[in-house]
Amino acid sequence: MTPDLIATVDRMRRSQGFLGIEETLGLAEGGTAILDPFSILISPGVRLGEGNVLHPGVTLFCAPGAELSVGRGNVFHGGTLMAADTGQIRIGDDNQFGEGGFVARANRAGARIAIGTGGRYLGGAAVYGETELGSGSQLLGMISVTDCRLGAGATHRDPDPDRRGGLLKGFGTARNLAVGAGEVIAGEGTFSAGALKRQSFFHPKAKP
């Protein structure tokens, strides 16, 4: 790619609120792996910790006056969009976003999305509104999540499923739900509190 073409691409990127290509690649100096600076889009206002991995096709957008902060050691697979349009998105450490895509969008007045540490969010899940995904929580599947709280717990690697963070799995829409540590709702189109179960219902505990 010639210098003139890079300059043209950079102008277009900056006009949409994103860093230029060299500026994006420069984030690697902070220990983040920028695997393809041409397809990764990051706004200047994003606060990015060390040791993150950004696969091709990741977008981290933060409008002026909004907030998007990312901790350390997170992995963002292709198809991940984090967009703080008007609100706040805060992400802890060591989470996995994608495979299969993931969206977190703070695009209404008062929107606040908080994501803890050691979570797993796969398969096309999307998060909106005032939502808290506690440490160790999981979203598995094409689920639209608005104004929900998943309780903090151990990660999905813990041998006791009833110690793990709250879990939603399946597909459909989840609104105004609270799922505690060790709990799960499996949805097919809709998610309701009446379907709440212990995670050991689906993953029996190993016998001693």
N, C-alpha and C. Protein backbone atom coordinates (compact mmCIF):
# COMPACT_ATOMS: atom_id res chain seq x y z
N MET A 1 0.85 -1.19 0.00
CA MET A 1 0.00 0.00 0.00
C MET A 1 0.89 1.25 0.00
N THR A 2 0.63 2.16 -0.92
CA THR A 2 1.47 3.34 -1.07
C THR A 2 1.18 4.35 0.05
N PRO A 3 2.15 5.26 0.33
CA PRO A 3 1.90 6.27 1.35
C PRO A 3 0.66 7.12 1.07
N ASP A 4 0.42 7.47 -0.21
CA ASP A 4 -0.76 8.27 -0.54
C ASP A 4 -2.05 7.52 -0.23
N LEU A 5 -2.06 6.21 -0.51
CA LEU A 5 -3.26 5.42 -0.24
C LEU A 5 -3.48 5.28 1.27
N ILE A 6 -2.40 5.09 2.02
CA ILE A 6 -2.51 5.01 3.48
C ILE A 6 -3.07 6.33 4.03
N ALA A 7 -2.58 7.44 3.50
CA ALA A 7 -3.07 8.75 3.96
C ALA A 7 -4.55 8.90 3.68
N THR A 8 -5.00 8.41 2.53
CA THR A 8 -6.42 8.48 2.18
C THR A 8 -7.25 7.63 3.13
N VAL A 9 -6.78 6.41 3.41
CA VAL A 9 -7.48 5.53 4.34
C VAL A 9 -7.53 6.15 5.73
N ASP A 10 -6.43 6.71 6.16
CA ASP A 10 -6.38 7.34 7.49
C ASP A 10 -7.38 8.49 7.59
N ARG A 11 -7.50 9.29 6.55
CA ARG A 11 -8.48 10.39 6.57
C ARG A 11 -9.90 9.86 6.74
N MET A 12 -10.22 8.79 6.04
CA MET A 12 -11.55 8.22 6.16
C MET A 12 -11.78 7.63 7.54
N ARG A 13 -10.78 6.95 8.07
CA ARG A 13 -10.90 6.38 9.41
C ARG A 13 -11.12 7.48 10.45
N ARG A 14 -10.31 8.52 10.39
CA ARG A 14 -10.42 9.60 11.37
C ARG A 14 -11.74 10.35 11.25
N SER A 15 -12.27 10.45 10.05
CA SER A 15 -13.55 11.14 9.87
C SER A 15 -14.69 10.39 10.54
N GLN A 16 -14.49 9.09 10.79
CA GLN A 16 -15.51 8.27 11.45
C GLN A 16 -15.20 8.03 12.93
N GLY A 17 -14.17 8.72 13.42
CA GLY A 17 -13.86 8.63 14.84
C GLY A 17 -12.90 7.53 15.22
N PHE A 18 -12.03 7.10 14.30
CA PHE A 18 -11.09 6.02 14.58
C PHE A 18 -9.65 6.47 14.34
N LEU A 19 -8.74 5.77 14.97
CA LEU A 19 -7.32 6.02 14.78
C LEU A 19 -6.90 5.64 13.36
N GLY A 20 -5.81 6.29 12.90
CA GLY A 20 -5.20 5.88 11.66
C GLY A 20 -4.50 4.54 11.81
N ILE A 21 -4.02 4.01 10.70
CA ILE A 21 -3.42 2.67 10.69
C ILE A 21 -2.17 2.62 11.55
N GLU A 22 -1.26 3.57 11.38
CA GLU A 22 -0.03 3.55 12.17
C GLU A 22 -0.32 3.79 13.65
N GLU A 23 -1.28 4.65 13.95
CA GLU A 23 -1.66 4.89 15.35
C GLU A 23 -2.23 3.62 15.97
N THR A 24 -3.02 2.90 15.20
CA THR A 24 -3.60 1.64 15.69
C THR A 24 -2.50 0.63 15.97
N LEU A 25 -1.58 0.49 15.03
CA LEU A 25 -0.47 -0.44 15.21
C LEU A 25 0.40 -0.02 16.39
N GLY A 26 0.46 1.28 16.66
CA GLY A 26 1.26 1.77 17.77
C GLY A 26 0.77 1.29 19.12
N LEU A 27 -0.51 0.87 19.21
CA LEU A 27 -1.03 0.35 20.47
C LEU A 27 -0.31 -0.94 20.89
N ALA A 28 0.33 -1.60 19.92
CA ALA A 28 1.08 -2.82 20.24
C ALA A 28 2.25 -2.53 21.17
N GLU A 29 2.69 -1.28 21.21
CA GLU A 29 3.79 -0.93 22.11
C GLU A 29 3.38 -1.06 23.57
N GLY A 30 2.07 -1.04 23.83
CA GLY A 30 1.58 -1.27 25.18
C GLY A 30 1.33 -2.73 25.49
N GLY A 31 1.79 -3.62 24.62
CA GLY A 31 1.67 -5.04 24.88
C GLY A 31 0.44 -5.69 24.31
N THR A 32 -0.37 -4.95 23.56
CA THR A 32 -1.56 -5.52 22.94
C THR A 32 -1.21 -6.04 21.55
N ALA A 33 -1.73 -7.22 21.21
CA ALA A 33 -1.50 -7.82 19.90
C ALA A 33 -2.54 -7.29 18.92
N ILE A 34 -2.10 -6.46 17.98
CA ILE A 34 -2.95 -5.92 16.93
C ILE A 34 -2.70 -6.77 15.69
N LEU A 35 -3.52 -7.79 15.48
CA LEU A 35 -3.19 -8.80 14.48
C LEU A 35 -3.40 -8.32 13.04
N ASP A 36 -4.25 -7.31 12.86
CA ASP A 36 -4.45 -6.76 11.51
C ASP A 36 -4.88 -5.30 11.64
N PRO A 37 -3.94 -4.36 11.63
CA PRO A 37 -4.29 -2.95 11.85
C PRO A 37 -5.19 -2.38 10.77
N PHE A 38 -5.30 -3.04 9.62
CA PHE A 38 -6.14 -2.54 8.55
C PHE A 38 -7.62 -2.82 8.79
N SER A 39 -7.94 -3.87 9.52
CA SER A 39 -9.35 -4.21 9.75
C SER A 39 -9.80 -3.97 11.19
N ILE A 40 -8.89 -3.59 12.06
CA ILE A 40 -9.21 -3.30 13.46
C ILE A 40 -9.42 -1.80 13.59
N LEU A 41 -10.57 -1.41 14.16
CA LEU A 41 -10.92 0.00 14.31
C LEU A 41 -11.02 0.35 15.79
N ILE A 42 -10.26 1.36 16.22
CA ILE A 42 -10.22 1.77 17.62
C ILE A 42 -10.30 3.29 17.69
N SER A 43 -11.18 3.80 18.54
CA SER A 43 -11.31 5.24 18.72
C SER A 43 -10.20 5.77 19.61
N PRO A 44 -9.81 7.03 19.43
CA PRO A 44 -8.76 7.61 20.28
C PRO A 44 -9.12 7.61 21.76
N GLY A 45 -10.41 7.70 22.09
CA GLY A 45 -10.81 7.79 23.49
C GLY A 45 -10.88 6.47 24.23
N VAL A 46 -10.61 5.36 23.56
CA VAL A 46 -10.64 4.05 24.21
C VAL A 46 -9.44 3.91 25.13
N ARG A 47 -9.68 3.47 26.37
CA ARG A 47 -8.58 3.18 27.30
C ARG A 47 -8.33 1.67 27.26
N LEU A 48 -7.15 1.30 26.78
CA LEU A 48 -6.84 -0.09 26.50
C LEU A 48 -5.68 -0.54 27.37
N GLY A 49 -5.90 -1.59 28.19
CA GLY A 49 -4.86 -2.12 29.04
C GLY A 49 -3.85 -2.96 28.28
N GLU A 50 -2.97 -3.61 29.01
CA GLU A 50 -1.89 -4.38 28.41
C GLU A 50 -2.31 -5.82 28.13
N GLY A 51 -1.64 -6.42 27.15
CA GLY A 51 -1.77 -7.86 26.93
C GLY A 51 -3.06 -8.31 26.31
N ASN A 52 -3.83 -7.40 25.71
CA ASN A 52 -5.04 -7.81 25.01
C ASN A 52 -4.69 -8.34 23.63
N VAL A 53 -5.57 -9.16 23.07
CA VAL A 53 -5.39 -9.70 21.73
C VAL A 53 -6.59 -9.32 20.89
N LEU A 54 -6.35 -8.60 19.80
CA LEU A 54 -7.42 -8.16 18.90
C LEU A 54 -7.26 -8.85 17.56
N HIS A 55 -8.21 -9.72 17.25
CA HIS A 55 -8.22 -10.41 15.97
C HIS A 55 -8.77 -9.50 14.88
N PRO A 56 -8.57 -9.85 13.61
CA PRO A 56 -9.13 -9.03 12.52
C PRO A 56 -10.64 -8.85 12.66
N GLY A 57 -11.11 -7.66 12.30
CA GLY A 57 -12.55 -7.41 12.30
C GLY A 57 -13.12 -7.00 13.64
N VAL A 58 -12.30 -6.43 14.52
CA VAL A 58 -12.75 -5.95 15.84
C VAL A 58 -12.91 -4.43 15.79
N THR A 59 -13.99 -3.93 16.40
CA THR A 59 -14.23 -2.50 16.49
C THR A 59 -14.44 -2.10 17.94
N LEU A 60 -13.65 -1.13 18.39
CA LEU A 60 -13.80 -0.53 19.72
C LEU A 60 -14.05 0.95 19.51
N PHE A 61 -15.31 1.37 19.67
CA PHE A 61 -15.71 2.74 19.37
C PHE A 61 -16.11 3.47 20.63
N CYS A 62 -15.62 4.70 20.78
CA CYS A 62 -15.98 5.53 21.92
C CYS A 62 -16.20 6.96 21.43
N ALA A 63 -17.45 7.42 21.53
CA ALA A 63 -17.77 8.78 21.12
C ALA A 63 -17.27 9.79 22.14
N PRO A 64 -17.05 11.02 21.75
CA PRO A 64 -16.67 12.05 22.72
C PRO A 64 -17.71 12.16 23.83
N GLY A 65 -17.22 12.20 25.07
CA GLY A 65 -18.11 12.30 26.21
C GLY A 65 -18.59 10.96 26.75
N ALA A 66 -18.35 9.87 26.02
CA ALA A 66 -18.69 8.53 26.48
C ALA A 66 -17.44 7.89 27.09
N GLU A 67 -17.57 6.62 27.51
CA GLU A 67 -16.43 5.93 28.14
C GLU A 67 -16.38 4.48 27.69
N LEU A 68 -15.20 4.06 27.24
CA LEU A 68 -14.93 2.65 26.95
C LEU A 68 -13.55 2.33 27.49
N SER A 69 -13.50 1.52 28.56
CA SER A 69 -12.22 1.14 29.16
C SER A 69 -12.11 -0.38 29.16
N VAL A 70 -10.93 -0.86 28.83
CA VAL A 70 -10.65 -2.29 28.69
C VAL A 70 -9.46 -2.63 29.58
N GLY A 71 -9.57 -3.67 30.38
CA GLY A 71 -8.49 -4.10 31.26
C GLY A 71 -7.41 -4.85 30.51
N ARG A 72 -6.89 -5.89 31.15
CA ARG A 72 -5.75 -6.63 30.60
C ARG A 72 -6.14 -8.04 30.19
N GLY A 73 -5.42 -8.57 29.20
CA GLY A 73 -5.48 -9.99 28.88
C GLY A 73 -6.78 -10.46 28.26
N ASN A 74 -7.56 -9.55 27.70
CA ASN A 74 -8.79 -9.96 27.03
C ASN A 74 -8.51 -10.40 25.61
N VAL A 75 -9.34 -11.30 25.09
CA VAL A 75 -9.23 -11.75 23.71
C VAL A 75 -10.51 -11.34 22.97
N PHE A 76 -10.35 -10.58 21.91
CA PHE A 76 -11.46 -10.12 21.08
C PHE A 76 -11.38 -10.81 19.73
N HIS A 77 -12.30 -11.73 19.49
CA HIS A 77 -12.33 -12.42 18.20
C HIS A 77 -13.05 -11.57 17.16
N GLY A 78 -12.88 -11.92 15.89
CA GLY A 78 -13.50 -11.19 14.80
C GLY A 78 -15.01 -11.11 14.97
N GLY A 79 -15.57 -9.97 14.56
CA GLY A 79 -17.01 -9.76 14.71
C GLY A 79 -17.40 -9.17 16.05
N THR A 80 -16.42 -8.76 16.87
CA THR A 80 -16.71 -8.14 18.15
C THR A 80 -16.82 -6.63 17.97
N LEU A 81 -17.91 -6.06 18.48
CA LEU A 81 -18.13 -4.61 18.46
C LEU A 81 -18.41 -4.14 19.86
N MET A 82 -17.58 -3.23 20.35
CA MET A 82 -17.82 -2.51 21.60
C MET A 82 -18.05 -1.06 21.23
N ALA A 83 -19.24 -0.53 21.49
CA ALA A 83 -19.57 0.82 21.05
C ALA A 83 -20.17 1.62 22.20
N ALA A 84 -19.41 2.56 22.72
CA ALA A 84 -19.91 3.49 23.72
C ALA A 84 -20.34 4.75 22.98
N ASP A 85 -21.59 4.75 22.53
CA ASP A 85 -22.11 5.88 21.75
C ASP A 85 -22.44 7.07 22.65
N THR A 86 -23.16 6.79 23.74
CA THR A 86 -23.57 7.85 24.66
C THR A 86 -23.30 7.50 26.12
N GLY A 87 -23.02 6.24 26.41
CA GLY A 87 -22.90 5.78 27.78
C GLY A 87 -21.53 5.24 28.12
N GLN A 88 -21.51 4.25 28.99
CA GLN A 88 -20.27 3.76 29.60
C GLN A 88 -20.16 2.24 29.43
N ILE A 89 -18.99 1.80 29.01
CA ILE A 89 -18.66 0.37 28.96
C ILE A 89 -17.34 0.19 29.69
N ARG A 90 -17.36 -0.66 30.73
CA ARG A 90 -16.14 -0.96 31.47
C ARG A 90 -15.92 -2.47 31.46
N ILE A 91 -14.72 -2.88 31.04
CA ILE A 91 -14.39 -4.29 30.87
C ILE A 91 -13.18 -4.61 31.74
N GLY A 92 -13.25 -5.70 32.49
CA GLY A 92 -12.15 -6.13 33.33
C GLY A 92 -11.09 -6.90 32.57
N ASP A 93 -10.55 -7.94 33.18
CA ASP A 93 -9.41 -8.67 32.64
C ASP A 93 -9.80 -10.09 32.21
N ASP A 94 -9.03 -10.62 31.26
CA ASP A 94 -9.03 -12.07 30.93
C ASP A 94 -10.39 -12.60 30.48
N ASN A 95 -11.12 -11.79 29.73
CA ASN A 95 -12.38 -12.25 29.15
C ASN A 95 -12.17 -12.71 27.71
N GLN A 96 -13.12 -13.52 27.23
CA GLN A 96 -13.13 -13.93 25.83
C GLN A 96 -14.41 -13.40 25.18
N PHE A 97 -14.26 -12.62 24.10
CA PHE A 97 -15.39 -12.08 23.35
C PHE A 97 -15.36 -12.69 21.95
N GLY A 98 -16.47 -13.38 21.52
CA GLY A 98 -16.42 -14.25 20.37
C GLY A 98 -15.67 -15.50 20.83
N GLU A 99 -15.67 -16.53 20.08
CA GLU A 99 -15.92 -16.68 18.65
C GLU A 99 -17.42 -16.61 18.33
N GLY A 100 -17.71 -16.26 17.07
CA GLY A 100 -19.09 -16.14 16.67
C GLY A 100 -19.65 -14.74 16.84
N GLY A 101 -18.80 -13.79 17.25
CA GLY A 101 -19.22 -12.40 17.36
C GLY A 101 -19.77 -12.06 18.73
N PHE A 102 -19.69 -10.77 19.07
CA PHE A 102 -20.23 -10.24 20.31
C PHE A 102 -20.41 -8.74 20.14
N VAL A 103 -21.51 -8.21 20.71
CA VAL A 103 -21.78 -6.77 20.66
C VAL A 103 -22.08 -6.28 22.07
N ALA A 104 -21.45 -5.18 22.47
CA ALA A 104 -21.84 -4.43 23.67
C ALA A 104 -22.03 -2.99 23.21
N ARG A 105 -23.24 -2.47 23.42
CA ARG A 105 -23.55 -1.13 22.90
C ARG A 105 -24.24 -0.29 23.95
N ALA A 106 -23.59 0.80 24.35
CA ALA A 106 -24.16 1.77 25.29
C ALA A 106 -24.65 2.96 24.46
N ASN A 107 -25.89 2.87 24.01
CA ASN A 107 -26.39 3.84 23.03
C ASN A 107 -27.69 4.50 23.44
N ARG A 108 -27.90 4.58 24.76
CA ARG A 108 -29.05 5.33 25.24
C ARG A 108 -28.64 6.08 26.49
N ALA A 109 -29.43 7.08 26.87
CA ALA A 109 -29.11 7.87 28.05
C ALA A 109 -29.05 6.97 29.28
N GLY A 110 -27.98 7.09 30.04
CA GLY A 110 -27.81 6.31 31.25
C GLY A 110 -27.34 4.89 31.04
N ALA A 111 -27.04 4.51 29.82
CA ALA A 111 -26.57 3.15 29.56
C ALA A 111 -25.23 2.91 30.24
N ARG A 112 -25.14 1.78 30.95
CA ARG A 112 -23.90 1.40 31.62
C ARG A 112 -23.75 -0.11 31.52
N ILE A 113 -22.68 -0.53 30.91
CA ILE A 113 -22.39 -1.96 30.78
C ILE A 113 -21.09 -2.24 31.52
N ALA A 114 -21.16 -3.14 32.48
CA ALA A 114 -19.98 -3.51 33.27
C ALA A 114 -19.71 -5.00 33.08
N ILE A 115 -18.50 -5.33 32.71
CA ILE A 115 -18.11 -6.72 32.48
C ILE A 115 -16.91 -7.01 33.37
N GLY A 116 -16.99 -8.06 34.16
CA GLY A 116 -15.96 -8.37 35.14
C GLY A 116 -14.75 -9.05 34.55
N THR A 117 -14.28 -10.07 35.21
CA THR A 117 -13.03 -10.76 34.87
C THR A 117 -13.31 -12.24 34.61
N GLY A 118 -12.62 -12.79 33.61
CA GLY A 118 -12.67 -14.23 33.39
C GLY A 118 -13.97 -14.73 32.81
N GLY A 119 -14.71 -13.87 32.10
CA GLY A 119 -15.98 -14.29 31.50
C GLY A 119 -15.81 -14.80 30.08
N ARG A 120 -16.91 -15.35 29.56
CA ARG A 120 -16.89 -15.93 28.22
C ARG A 120 -18.19 -15.57 27.52
N TYR A 121 -18.09 -14.90 26.36
CA TYR A 121 -19.27 -14.35 25.68
C TYR A 121 -19.15 -14.69 24.19
N LEU A 122 -19.89 -15.72 23.79
CA LEU A 122 -19.67 -16.35 22.49
C LEU A 122 -20.97 -16.45 21.69
N GLY A 123 -20.79 -16.66 20.38
CA GLY A 123 -21.91 -17.12 19.56
C GLY A 123 -22.90 -16.05 19.14
N GLY A 124 -22.48 -14.78 19.15
CA GLY A 124 -23.35 -13.73 18.64
C GLY A 124 -24.19 -13.03 19.68
N ALA A 125 -23.82 -13.13 20.97
CA ALA A 125 -24.56 -12.43 22.02
C ALA A 125 -24.39 -10.92 21.87
N ALA A 126 -25.41 -10.17 22.32
CA ALA A 126 -25.40 -8.71 22.25
C ALA A 126 -25.96 -8.16 23.55
N VAL A 127 -25.31 -7.10 24.08
CA VAL A 127 -25.63 -6.57 25.40
C VAL A 127 -25.93 -5.09 25.29
N TYR A 128 -27.01 -4.65 25.98
CA TYR A 128 -27.44 -3.26 25.91
C TYR A 128 -27.90 -2.77 27.29
N GLY A 129 -28.17 -1.46 27.35
CA GLY A 129 -28.82 -0.89 28.53
C GLY A 129 -27.93 -0.83 29.75
N GLU A 130 -28.55 -1.08 30.92
CA GLU A 130 -27.82 -1.13 32.18
C GLU A 130 -27.64 -2.60 32.54
N THR A 131 -26.54 -3.16 32.11
CA THR A 131 -26.29 -4.60 32.24
C THR A 131 -24.96 -4.82 32.93
N GLU A 132 -24.96 -5.78 33.86
CA GLU A 132 -23.74 -6.16 34.56
C GLU A 132 -23.48 -7.64 34.33
N LEU A 133 -22.33 -7.94 33.76
CA LEU A 133 -21.88 -9.31 33.56
C LEU A 133 -20.75 -9.56 34.56
N GLY A 134 -21.08 -10.19 35.67
CA GLY A 134 -20.11 -10.38 36.73
C GLY A 134 -18.97 -11.29 36.33
N SER A 135 -17.92 -11.27 37.11
CA SER A 135 -16.75 -12.11 36.84
C SER A 135 -17.16 -13.57 36.73
N GLY A 136 -16.60 -14.25 35.72
CA GLY A 136 -16.90 -15.65 35.50
C GLY A 136 -18.21 -15.93 34.81
N SER A 137 -18.97 -14.90 34.48
CA SER A 137 -20.27 -15.11 33.84
C SER A 137 -20.09 -15.53 32.38
N GLN A 138 -21.19 -16.03 31.79
CA GLN A 138 -21.13 -16.50 30.41
C GLN A 138 -22.42 -16.16 29.67
N LEU A 139 -22.27 -15.79 28.39
CA LEU A 139 -23.36 -15.71 27.43
C LEU A 139 -22.98 -16.60 26.27
N LEU A 140 -23.78 -17.63 26.03
CA LEU A 140 -23.45 -18.62 25.01
C LEU A 140 -24.61 -18.72 24.04
N GLY A 141 -24.47 -18.07 22.88
CA GLY A 141 -25.51 -18.14 21.87
C GLY A 141 -25.96 -16.76 21.43
N MET A 142 -26.84 -16.74 20.46
CA MET A 142 -27.32 -15.49 19.88
C MET A 142 -28.44 -14.94 20.77
N ILE A 143 -28.03 -14.24 21.82
CA ILE A 143 -28.93 -13.75 22.86
C ILE A 143 -28.82 -12.23 22.92
N SER A 144 -29.94 -11.54 22.88
CA SER A 144 -29.99 -10.10 23.06
C SER A 144 -30.31 -9.82 24.53
N VAL A 145 -29.38 -9.18 25.23
CA VAL A 145 -29.45 -9.01 26.68
C VAL A 145 -29.59 -7.52 27.00
N THR A 146 -30.68 -7.14 27.69
CA THR A 146 -30.92 -5.75 28.05
C THR A 146 -31.29 -5.66 29.52
N ASP A 147 -30.59 -4.80 30.24
CA ASP A 147 -30.90 -4.52 31.65
C ASP A 147 -30.93 -5.79 32.50
N CYS A 148 -29.90 -6.60 32.36
CA CYS A 148 -29.79 -7.86 33.12
C CYS A 148 -28.55 -7.84 34.00
N ARG A 149 -28.57 -8.73 34.99
CA ARG A 149 -27.42 -8.88 35.89
C ARG A 149 -27.07 -10.35 36.01
N LEU A 150 -25.84 -10.69 35.65
CA LEU A 150 -25.31 -12.03 35.83
C LEU A 150 -24.31 -11.97 36.99
N GLY A 151 -24.59 -12.76 38.03
CA GLY A 151 -23.78 -12.71 39.23
C GLY A 151 -22.37 -13.22 39.03
N ALA A 152 -21.45 -12.71 39.84
CA ALA A 152 -20.05 -13.11 39.77
C ALA A 152 -19.83 -14.45 40.45
N GLY A 153 -18.90 -15.22 39.89
CA GLY A 153 -18.52 -16.51 40.47
C GLY A 153 -17.20 -16.97 39.86
N ALA A 154 -16.96 -18.26 39.94
CA ALA A 154 -15.76 -18.83 39.34
C ALA A 154 -15.89 -18.87 37.82
N THR A 155 -14.80 -19.12 37.13
CA THR A 155 -14.84 -19.20 35.68
C THR A 155 -15.45 -20.53 35.22
N HIS A 156 -15.65 -20.64 33.91
CA HIS A 156 -16.24 -21.87 33.36
C HIS A 156 -15.34 -23.08 33.53
N ARG A 157 -14.10 -22.86 33.92
CA ARG A 157 -13.17 -23.98 34.13
C ARG A 157 -13.30 -24.61 35.51
N ASP A 158 -14.04 -23.98 36.41
CA ASP A 158 -14.18 -24.53 37.75
C ASP A 158 -14.90 -25.87 37.69
N PRO A 159 -14.40 -26.90 38.37
CA PRO A 159 -15.04 -28.23 38.29
C PRO A 159 -16.44 -28.27 38.89
N ASP A 160 -16.77 -27.33 39.75
CA ASP A 160 -18.11 -27.30 40.35
C ASP A 160 -18.95 -26.26 39.61
N PRO A 161 -19.89 -26.68 38.76
CA PRO A 161 -20.67 -25.72 37.99
C PRO A 161 -21.48 -24.76 38.84
N ASP A 162 -21.80 -25.16 40.06
CA ASP A 162 -22.62 -24.30 40.92
C ASP A 162 -21.81 -23.20 41.59
N ARG A 163 -20.51 -23.17 41.31
CA ARG A 163 -19.68 -22.05 41.78
C ARG A 163 -19.41 -21.04 40.67
N ARG A 164 -19.75 -21.39 39.45
CA ARG A 164 -19.42 -20.53 38.31
C ARG A 164 -20.33 -19.29 38.26
N GLY A 165 -19.86 -18.27 37.52
CA GLY A 165 -20.66 -17.08 37.34
C GLY A 165 -21.97 -17.38 36.61
N GLY A 166 -22.92 -16.46 36.71
CA GLY A 166 -24.23 -16.63 36.08
C GLY A 166 -24.11 -16.87 34.58
N LEU A 167 -25.08 -17.62 34.04
CA LEU A 167 -25.01 -18.08 32.65
C LEU A 167 -26.36 -17.94 31.97
N LEU A 168 -26.34 -17.39 30.75
CA LEU A 168 -27.46 -17.46 29.83
C LEU A 168 -26.99 -18.21 28.59
N LYS A 169 -27.78 -19.18 28.14
CA LYS A 169 -27.39 -19.91 26.94
C LYS A 169 -28.62 -20.20 26.09
N GLY A 170 -28.38 -20.33 24.77
CA GLY A 170 -29.48 -20.59 23.84
C GLY A 170 -29.59 -19.46 22.85
N PHE A 171 -30.84 -19.00 22.61
CA PHE A 171 -31.05 -17.89 21.68
C PHE A 171 -32.33 -17.17 22.06
N GLY A 172 -32.40 -15.89 21.70
CA GLY A 172 -33.60 -15.13 21.98
C GLY A 172 -33.31 -13.85 22.73
N THR A 173 -34.30 -13.37 23.48
CA THR A 173 -34.24 -12.08 24.15
C THR A 173 -34.33 -12.24 25.66
N ALA A 174 -33.41 -11.59 26.37
CA ALA A 174 -33.40 -11.60 27.84
C ALA A 174 -33.48 -10.17 28.32
N ARG A 175 -34.51 -9.86 29.15
CA ARG A 175 -34.69 -8.50 29.67
C ARG A 175 -34.97 -8.55 31.18
N ASN A 176 -34.33 -7.64 31.89
CA ASN A 176 -34.63 -7.42 33.30
C ASN A 176 -34.55 -8.71 34.13
N LEU A 177 -33.49 -9.47 33.92
CA LEU A 177 -33.30 -10.73 34.63
C LEU A 177 -32.08 -10.65 35.53
N ALA A 178 -32.14 -11.37 36.64
CA ALA A 178 -30.99 -11.53 37.53
C ALA A 178 -30.68 -13.02 37.63
N VAL A 179 -29.47 -13.37 37.28
CA VAL A 179 -29.02 -14.76 37.30
C VAL A 179 -27.81 -14.83 38.22
N GLY A 180 -27.95 -15.50 39.36
CA GLY A 180 -26.89 -15.53 40.35
C GLY A 180 -25.79 -16.51 40.03
N ALA A 181 -24.76 -16.49 40.87
CA ALA A 181 -23.66 -17.45 40.72
C ALA A 181 -24.21 -18.87 40.79
N GLY A 182 -23.73 -19.72 39.87
CA GLY A 182 -24.17 -21.11 39.84
C GLY A 182 -25.52 -21.32 39.20
N GLU A 183 -26.14 -20.25 38.67
CA GLU A 183 -27.46 -20.36 38.07
C GLU A 183 -27.38 -20.20 36.56
N VAL A 184 -28.41 -20.71 35.87
CA VAL A 184 -28.45 -20.66 34.42
C VAL A 184 -29.91 -20.57 33.96
N ILE A 185 -30.10 -19.84 32.87
CA ILE A 185 -31.37 -19.88 32.15
C ILE A 185 -31.04 -20.27 30.72
N ALA A 186 -31.67 -21.34 30.24
CA ALA A 186 -31.55 -21.77 28.86
C ALA A 186 -32.80 -21.32 28.11
N GLY A 187 -32.63 -20.51 27.09
CA GLY A 187 -33.78 -19.95 26.38
C GLY A 187 -33.85 -20.39 24.94
N GLU A 188 -35.07 -20.46 24.44
CA GLU A 188 -35.31 -20.73 23.03
C GLU A 188 -36.35 -19.71 22.55
N GLY A 189 -35.88 -18.51 22.26
CA GLY A 189 -36.75 -17.43 21.83
C GLY A 189 -36.94 -16.40 22.92
N THR A 190 -37.28 -16.84 24.11
CA THR A 190 -37.41 -15.94 25.25
C THR A 190 -36.70 -16.54 26.46
N PHE A 191 -36.33 -15.64 27.38
CA PHE A 191 -35.72 -16.05 28.63
C PHE A 191 -36.60 -15.54 29.76
N SER A 192 -36.90 -16.40 30.73
CA SER A 192 -37.75 -16.00 31.84
C SER A 192 -37.18 -16.51 33.15
N ALA A 193 -37.49 -15.78 34.23
CA ALA A 193 -37.00 -16.17 35.55
C ALA A 193 -37.54 -17.53 35.96
N GLY A 194 -38.69 -17.91 35.42
CA GLY A 194 -39.27 -19.20 35.77
C GLY A 194 -38.47 -20.39 35.26
N ALA A 195 -37.56 -20.14 34.32
CA ALA A 195 -36.74 -21.23 33.77
C ALA A 195 -35.38 -21.33 34.46
N LEU A 196 -35.20 -20.59 35.55
CA LEU A 196 -33.92 -20.57 36.24
C LEU A 196 -33.60 -21.92 36.87
N LYS A 197 -32.38 -22.40 36.66
CA LYS A 197 -31.93 -23.67 37.22
C LYS A 197 -30.51 -23.52 37.75
N ARG A 198 -30.08 -24.49 38.57
CA ARG A 198 -28.69 -24.58 38.94
C ARG A 198 -27.91 -25.13 37.75
N GLN A 199 -26.68 -24.68 37.59
CA GLN A 199 -25.89 -25.13 36.45
C GLN A 199 -25.61 -26.62 36.50
N SER A 200 -25.60 -27.20 37.68
CA SER A 200 -25.37 -28.64 37.80
C SER A 200 -26.52 -29.45 37.20
N PHE A 201 -27.67 -28.81 36.92
CA PHE A 201 -28.76 -29.50 36.23
C PHE A 201 -28.31 -29.93 34.84
N PHE A 202 -27.50 -29.10 34.19
CA PHE A 202 -27.01 -29.42 32.85
C PHE A 202 -25.62 -30.05 32.88
N HIS A 203 -24.85 -29.75 33.92
CA HIS A 203 -23.48 -30.26 34.02
C HIS A 203 -23.31 -30.86 35.41
N PRO A 204 -23.69 -32.11 35.58
CA PRO A 204 -23.61 -32.73 36.92
C PRO A 204 -22.21 -32.65 37.49
N LYS A 205 -22.13 -32.46 38.79
CA LYS A 205 -20.83 -32.36 39.44
C LYS A 205 -20.11 -33.70 39.39
N ALA A 206 -18.81 -33.62 39.25
CA ALA A 206 -18.00 -34.84 39.24
C ALA A 206 -18.03 -35.49 40.62
N LYS A 207 -18.16 -36.79 40.64
CA LYS A 207 -18.16 -37.50 41.92
C LYS A 207 -16.77 -37.51 42.52
N PRO A 208 -16.66 -37.36 43.83
CA PRO A 208 -15.32 -37.36 44.48
C PRO A 208 -14.68 -38.73 44.36
